[in-house]
Structures are given as C-alpha cells and as structure tokens.
Amino acid sequence: MKKLLLLIVAAAAAAMSGCGSGLGSCSAAQGGAMVCVEYQSTAFTPELVRQSCSMQMGATYSSGGCPGANRVGRCTVTNGSGAASITQIQSYYAPITAGDAMMICTRINGMWASN
C-alpha cells in the first residue's frame, strides 16, 4: 500500500513537472496493483506525457485513455488553475480494493468516483 501511494505521488509530481494534454495516459504496476493516469491540460503535449512516462520505472505510455476492465474506481486531481491547470484521472485496478484506492484519493485531495 505504501509503495502504491508513492507511485501515485510520483505520477502527480511528474504531472506537475510537465505532463498532460488529454490524449495520453501512463500505467504502471506496483506490488501487483496497476494504476493508470490520464492527463488533461492545454499547456502540454502528448509527447511530454510520453517522455515523462518513460522516466518512471516500469511505466507504459498509451496515446489513449485508461482501460475500464477490472477498474475499481477513479480519482480526479486538478493542480493549478486556468490555462496552467493539469487534471489527472487516476484509475485503480484489482487487486487493490475500492476502499484502499479511495483512501489514497483522499490523501491526495482528489475527487473519488466508483467505476
């Protein structure tokens, strides 16, 4: 659980350092649990999302969104405001439980939505 939280925090830090455009996502497995993060921002490009994703150990970039199969829920986090805002939609997958994912979402000040 702690490693998963660190993965989410790392994804959030990557987003703040130059990710996002609405057409890219980055997924990674940690301790058997998969997390996929979609980025939405007018300030960045899909290429920056790909580059940031490639810097995260074991992460995989996709030009599309996160898959819906086996997803237990999503957490939407927005940092910044106006044209400089970056929104991440973090999808959590089994075997992580919805309760654990919701707890992570709360810790990072996100808005939780069950799958």
N, C-alpha and C. Protein backbone atom coordinates (compact mmCIF):
# COMPACT_ATOMS: atom_id res chain seq x y z
N MET A 1 0.82 -1.18 0.00
CA MET A 1 0.00 0.00 0.00
C MET A 1 0.87 1.25 0.00
N LYS A 2 1.92 1.27 0.84
CA LYS A 2 2.79 2.43 0.90
C LYS A 2 3.49 2.64 -0.44
N LYS A 3 3.93 1.54 -1.09
CA LYS A 3 4.58 1.66 -2.39
C LYS A 3 3.61 2.18 -3.44
N LEU A 4 2.35 1.77 -3.37
CA LEU A 4 1.35 2.24 -4.31
C LEU A 4 1.12 3.73 -4.12
N LEU A 5 1.06 4.18 -2.88
CA LEU A 5 0.88 5.60 -2.61
C LEU A 5 2.08 6.38 -3.16
N LEU A 6 3.28 5.84 -3.00
CA LEU A 6 4.47 6.50 -3.55
C LEU A 6 4.41 6.58 -5.06
N LEU A 7 3.90 5.54 -5.72
CA LEU A 7 3.73 5.55 -7.17
C LEU A 7 2.78 6.65 -7.58
N ILE A 8 1.68 6.81 -6.86
CA ILE A 8 0.70 7.85 -7.17
C ILE A 8 1.31 9.23 -6.97
N VAL A 9 2.05 9.40 -5.88
CA VAL A 9 2.69 10.68 -5.62
C VAL A 9 3.72 10.98 -6.71
N ALA A 10 4.45 9.97 -7.16
CA ALA A 10 5.42 10.16 -8.25
C ALA A 10 4.72 10.57 -9.53
N ALA A 11 3.58 9.96 -9.81
CA ALA A 11 2.82 10.32 -11.01
C ALA A 11 2.33 11.76 -10.91
N ALA A 12 1.91 12.16 -9.72
CA ALA A 12 1.46 13.55 -9.53
C ALA A 12 2.61 14.52 -9.71
N ALA A 13 3.78 14.17 -9.20
CA ALA A 13 4.95 15.04 -9.36
C ALA A 13 5.34 15.14 -10.83
N ALA A 14 5.25 14.04 -11.55
CA ALA A 14 5.57 14.06 -12.97
C ALA A 14 4.60 14.97 -13.72
N ALA A 15 3.35 14.91 -13.34
CA ALA A 15 2.36 15.76 -14.00
C ALA A 15 2.65 17.23 -13.75
N MET A 16 3.07 17.56 -12.56
CA MET A 16 3.37 18.94 -12.24
C MET A 16 4.64 19.42 -12.95
N SER A 17 5.51 18.48 -13.33
CA SER A 17 6.76 18.88 -13.95
C SER A 17 6.68 18.91 -15.47
N GLY A 18 5.51 18.62 -16.05
CA GLY A 18 5.43 18.77 -17.49
C GLY A 18 4.70 17.69 -18.22
N CYS A 19 3.58 17.23 -17.76
CA CYS A 19 2.82 16.21 -18.44
C CYS A 19 1.47 16.74 -18.85
N GLY A 20 0.81 16.00 -19.71
CA GLY A 20 -0.59 16.19 -19.94
C GLY A 20 -0.97 16.78 -21.25
N SER A 21 -2.12 16.39 -21.76
CA SER A 21 -2.73 17.03 -22.90
C SER A 21 -4.10 16.46 -23.19
N GLY A 22 -4.56 15.48 -22.45
CA GLY A 22 -5.87 14.93 -22.68
C GLY A 22 -5.88 13.72 -23.57
N LEU A 23 -4.79 13.43 -24.24
CA LEU A 23 -4.76 12.30 -25.16
C LEU A 23 -3.72 11.27 -24.79
N GLY A 24 -3.25 11.28 -23.57
CA GLY A 24 -2.23 10.32 -23.18
C GLY A 24 -2.46 9.79 -21.79
N SER A 25 -1.93 8.60 -21.56
CA SER A 25 -2.01 8.01 -20.23
C SER A 25 -0.73 7.24 -19.95
N CYS A 26 -0.51 6.99 -18.69
CA CYS A 26 0.68 6.29 -18.23
C CYS A 26 0.24 5.26 -17.19
N SER A 27 0.63 4.01 -17.39
CA SER A 27 0.23 2.98 -16.43
C SER A 27 1.47 2.27 -15.90
N ALA A 28 1.35 1.80 -14.66
CA ALA A 28 2.45 1.08 -14.01
C ALA A 28 1.88 0.14 -12.98
N ALA A 29 2.55 -0.98 -12.80
CA ALA A 29 2.18 -1.95 -11.78
C ALA A 29 3.15 -1.81 -10.61
N GLN A 30 2.61 -1.87 -9.41
CA GLN A 30 3.44 -1.80 -8.21
C GLN A 30 2.85 -2.76 -7.19
N GLY A 31 3.62 -3.74 -6.80
CA GLY A 31 3.15 -4.69 -5.81
C GLY A 31 1.91 -5.45 -6.25
N GLY A 32 1.79 -5.72 -7.55
CA GLY A 32 0.65 -6.46 -8.07
C GLY A 32 -0.55 -5.62 -8.42
N ALA A 33 -0.56 -4.35 -8.03
CA ALA A 33 -1.68 -3.46 -8.33
C ALA A 33 -1.30 -2.55 -9.49
N MET A 34 -2.25 -2.32 -10.40
CA MET A 34 -1.99 -1.43 -11.52
C MET A 34 -2.68 -0.10 -11.31
N VAL A 35 -1.99 0.96 -11.68
CA VAL A 35 -2.54 2.31 -11.65
C VAL A 35 -2.30 2.91 -13.03
N CYS A 36 -3.30 3.55 -13.57
CA CYS A 36 -3.19 4.22 -14.86
C CYS A 36 -3.63 5.67 -14.67
N VAL A 37 -2.85 6.60 -15.19
CA VAL A 37 -3.14 8.02 -15.03
C VAL A 37 -3.33 8.66 -16.40
N GLU A 38 -4.50 9.28 -16.60
CA GLU A 38 -4.76 10.06 -17.81
C GLU A 38 -4.48 11.51 -17.48
N TYR A 39 -3.91 12.22 -18.43
CA TYR A 39 -3.56 13.62 -18.23
C TYR A 39 -4.40 14.50 -19.13
N GLN A 40 -4.85 15.63 -18.58
CA GLN A 40 -5.63 16.60 -19.34
C GLN A 40 -5.10 17.98 -19.05
N SER A 41 -4.62 18.67 -20.08
CA SER A 41 -4.12 20.03 -19.93
C SER A 41 -3.91 20.61 -21.31
N THR A 42 -4.20 21.88 -21.46
CA THR A 42 -3.92 22.54 -22.73
C THR A 42 -2.48 23.05 -22.77
N ALA A 43 -1.78 23.00 -21.64
CA ALA A 43 -0.44 23.55 -21.55
C ALA A 43 0.65 22.59 -22.04
N PHE A 44 0.32 21.31 -22.26
CA PHE A 44 1.33 20.32 -22.61
C PHE A 44 0.91 19.49 -23.81
N THR A 45 1.82 18.66 -24.29
CA THR A 45 1.58 17.85 -25.48
C THR A 45 1.64 16.36 -25.14
N PRO A 46 1.07 15.51 -26.01
CA PRO A 46 1.19 14.06 -25.80
C PRO A 46 2.65 13.60 -25.73
N GLU A 47 3.53 14.26 -26.45
CA GLU A 47 4.95 13.89 -26.43
C GLU A 47 5.55 14.11 -25.03
N LEU A 48 5.16 15.16 -24.36
CA LEU A 48 5.64 15.39 -22.99
C LEU A 48 5.12 14.34 -22.02
N VAL A 49 3.88 13.90 -22.23
CA VAL A 49 3.33 12.82 -21.40
C VAL A 49 4.15 11.55 -21.63
N ARG A 50 4.42 11.23 -22.89
CA ARG A 50 5.20 10.04 -23.23
C ARG A 50 6.59 10.10 -22.60
N GLN A 51 7.25 11.25 -22.70
CA GLN A 51 8.59 11.40 -22.14
C GLN A 51 8.57 11.24 -20.62
N SER A 52 7.61 11.86 -19.97
CA SER A 52 7.52 11.75 -18.52
C SER A 52 7.25 10.31 -18.10
N CYS A 53 6.36 9.66 -18.82
CA CYS A 53 6.02 8.27 -18.51
C CYS A 53 7.25 7.37 -18.65
N SER A 54 8.05 7.61 -19.69
CA SER A 54 9.23 6.78 -19.91
C SER A 54 10.27 6.93 -18.81
N MET A 55 10.20 8.04 -18.05
CA MET A 55 11.15 8.26 -16.95
C MET A 55 10.74 7.53 -15.67
N GLN A 56 9.50 7.04 -15.62
CA GLN A 56 9.02 6.33 -14.44
C GLN A 56 9.30 4.84 -14.60
N MET A 57 9.96 4.26 -13.63
CA MET A 57 10.37 2.87 -13.70
C MET A 57 9.18 1.93 -13.94
N GLY A 58 9.23 1.16 -15.01
CA GLY A 58 8.21 0.17 -15.30
C GLY A 58 6.91 0.72 -15.85
N ALA A 59 6.87 2.01 -16.17
CA ALA A 59 5.63 2.62 -16.66
C ALA A 59 5.51 2.47 -18.17
N THR A 60 4.26 2.43 -18.65
CA THR A 60 3.97 2.27 -20.07
C THR A 60 3.07 3.40 -20.53
N TYR A 61 3.46 4.06 -21.62
CA TYR A 61 2.67 5.15 -22.19
C TYR A 61 1.65 4.60 -23.19
N SER A 62 0.49 5.24 -23.24
CA SER A 62 -0.53 4.95 -24.24
C SER A 62 -1.07 6.28 -24.74
N SER A 63 -1.34 6.37 -26.03
CA SER A 63 -1.92 7.59 -26.58
C SER A 63 -3.40 7.70 -26.26
N GLY A 64 -3.99 6.61 -25.79
CA GLY A 64 -5.41 6.60 -25.41
C GLY A 64 -5.60 6.73 -23.92
N GLY A 65 -6.83 6.55 -23.51
CA GLY A 65 -7.17 6.63 -22.09
C GLY A 65 -6.91 5.32 -21.37
N CYS A 66 -7.22 5.32 -20.09
CA CYS A 66 -7.03 4.12 -19.27
C CYS A 66 -8.17 3.13 -19.52
N PRO A 67 -7.87 1.83 -19.48
CA PRO A 67 -8.91 0.83 -19.72
C PRO A 67 -9.95 0.77 -18.60
N GLY A 68 -11.15 0.36 -18.94
CA GLY A 68 -12.22 0.26 -17.95
C GLY A 68 -12.31 -1.12 -17.29
N ALA A 69 -11.78 -2.15 -17.94
CA ALA A 69 -11.87 -3.52 -17.41
C ALA A 69 -11.12 -3.64 -16.09
N ASN A 70 -11.75 -4.25 -15.11
CA ASN A 70 -11.19 -4.50 -13.78
C ASN A 70 -10.90 -3.24 -12.97
N ARG A 71 -11.35 -2.11 -13.41
CA ARG A 71 -11.12 -0.86 -12.68
C ARG A 71 -12.05 -0.83 -11.47
N VAL A 72 -11.49 -0.47 -10.30
CA VAL A 72 -12.31 -0.39 -9.08
C VAL A 72 -12.78 1.02 -8.81
N GLY A 73 -12.15 2.00 -9.46
CA GLY A 73 -12.56 3.39 -9.28
C GLY A 73 -11.56 4.35 -9.87
N ARG A 74 -11.95 5.63 -9.84
CA ARG A 74 -11.11 6.69 -10.38
C ARG A 74 -11.02 7.85 -9.40
N CYS A 75 -9.90 8.53 -9.47
CA CYS A 75 -9.66 9.70 -8.63
C CYS A 75 -9.24 10.84 -9.55
N THR A 76 -9.98 11.95 -9.50
CA THR A 76 -9.65 13.10 -10.33
C THR A 76 -8.97 14.15 -9.46
N VAL A 77 -7.79 14.56 -9.90
CA VAL A 77 -7.00 15.54 -9.16
C VAL A 77 -6.64 16.67 -10.13
N THR A 78 -6.93 17.90 -9.74
CA THR A 78 -6.58 19.06 -10.55
C THR A 78 -5.61 19.93 -9.77
N ASN A 79 -4.50 20.27 -10.42
CA ASN A 79 -3.49 21.15 -9.83
C ASN A 79 -3.40 22.40 -10.68
N GLY A 80 -3.30 23.55 -10.04
CA GLY A 80 -3.21 24.80 -10.75
C GLY A 80 -4.59 25.31 -11.12
N SER A 81 -4.62 26.39 -11.89
CA SER A 81 -5.90 26.95 -12.32
C SER A 81 -5.76 27.58 -13.69
N GLY A 82 -6.89 27.76 -14.35
CA GLY A 82 -6.91 28.38 -15.67
C GLY A 82 -6.14 27.58 -16.69
N ALA A 83 -5.45 28.29 -17.58
CA ALA A 83 -4.72 27.65 -18.67
C ALA A 83 -3.55 26.80 -18.17
N ALA A 84 -3.08 27.06 -16.95
CA ALA A 84 -1.95 26.31 -16.41
C ALA A 84 -2.39 25.09 -15.60
N SER A 85 -3.69 24.81 -15.55
CA SER A 85 -4.14 23.68 -14.74
C SER A 85 -3.85 22.35 -15.41
N ILE A 86 -3.59 21.37 -14.58
CA ILE A 86 -3.34 20.00 -15.03
C ILE A 86 -4.31 19.10 -14.28
N THR A 87 -5.09 18.32 -15.01
CA THR A 87 -6.01 17.37 -14.39
C THR A 87 -5.51 15.97 -14.66
N GLN A 88 -5.47 15.17 -13.60
CA GLN A 88 -5.12 13.75 -13.71
C GLN A 88 -6.34 12.94 -13.34
N ILE A 89 -6.64 11.93 -14.13
CA ILE A 89 -7.68 10.98 -13.77
C ILE A 89 -6.96 9.66 -13.52
N GLN A 90 -6.85 9.31 -12.26
CA GLN A 90 -6.11 8.13 -11.84
C GLN A 90 -7.07 6.96 -11.71
N SER A 91 -6.84 5.91 -12.48
CA SER A 91 -7.66 4.70 -12.42
C SER A 91 -6.93 3.64 -11.63
N TYR A 92 -7.65 2.97 -10.73
CA TYR A 92 -7.10 1.92 -9.88
C TYR A 92 -7.72 0.59 -10.26
N TYR A 93 -6.92 -0.47 -10.24
CA TYR A 93 -7.35 -1.79 -10.69
C TYR A 93 -7.11 -2.85 -9.63
N ALA A 94 -7.96 -3.90 -9.70
CA ALA A 94 -7.80 -5.05 -8.82
C ALA A 94 -6.38 -5.59 -9.01
N PRO A 95 -5.74 -6.03 -7.94
CA PRO A 95 -6.31 -6.45 -6.67
C PRO A 95 -6.47 -5.36 -5.62
N ILE A 96 -6.11 -4.10 -5.91
CA ILE A 96 -6.36 -3.06 -4.92
C ILE A 96 -7.86 -2.94 -4.70
N THR A 97 -8.25 -2.69 -3.50
CA THR A 97 -9.69 -2.58 -3.21
C THR A 97 -10.15 -1.14 -3.42
N ALA A 98 -11.44 -0.98 -3.63
CA ALA A 98 -12.01 0.36 -3.78
C ALA A 98 -11.76 1.18 -2.52
N GLY A 99 -11.83 0.56 -1.36
CA GLY A 99 -11.60 1.27 -0.10
C GLY A 99 -10.19 1.81 0.00
N ASP A 100 -9.20 0.99 -0.37
CA ASP A 100 -7.81 1.45 -0.33
C ASP A 100 -7.57 2.55 -1.35
N ALA A 101 -8.13 2.39 -2.55
CA ALA A 101 -7.96 3.41 -3.59
C ALA A 101 -8.62 4.72 -3.17
N MET A 102 -9.78 4.64 -2.55
CA MET A 102 -10.47 5.84 -2.08
C MET A 102 -9.64 6.55 -1.00
N MET A 103 -9.00 5.78 -0.14
CA MET A 103 -8.15 6.35 0.90
C MET A 103 -6.98 7.10 0.27
N ILE A 104 -6.35 6.52 -0.76
CA ILE A 104 -5.26 7.19 -1.47
C ILE A 104 -5.77 8.48 -2.09
N CYS A 105 -6.93 8.41 -2.72
CA CYS A 105 -7.53 9.57 -3.37
C CYS A 105 -7.77 10.70 -2.37
N THR A 106 -8.25 10.36 -1.22
CA THR A 106 -8.49 11.36 -0.17
C THR A 106 -7.18 12.00 0.27
N ARG A 107 -6.13 11.20 0.39
CA ARG A 107 -4.83 11.72 0.82
C ARG A 107 -4.24 12.70 -0.18
N ILE A 108 -4.57 12.55 -1.45
CA ILE A 108 -4.01 13.46 -2.46
C ILE A 108 -5.01 14.52 -2.88
N ASN A 109 -6.07 14.69 -2.05
CA ASN A 109 -7.10 15.71 -2.27
C ASN A 109 -7.82 15.58 -3.61
N GLY A 110 -8.12 14.35 -3.97
CA GLY A 110 -8.83 14.09 -5.21
C GLY A 110 -10.33 13.91 -5.01
N MET A 111 -11.03 13.77 -6.12
CA MET A 111 -12.47 13.51 -6.12
C MET A 111 -12.67 12.06 -6.57
N TRP A 112 -13.22 11.22 -5.69
CA TRP A 112 -13.37 9.80 -5.92
C TRP A 112 -14.64 9.48 -6.70
N ALA A 113 -14.55 8.52 -7.62
CA ALA A 113 -15.72 8.00 -8.33
C ALA A 113 -15.56 6.50 -8.48
N SER A 114 -16.57 5.76 -8.02
CA SER A 114 -16.55 4.31 -8.22
C SER A 114 -16.66 4.02 -9.71
N ASN A 115 -16.12 2.88 -10.10
CA ASN A 115 -16.14 2.51 -11.51
C ASN A 115 -17.54 2.47 -11.96
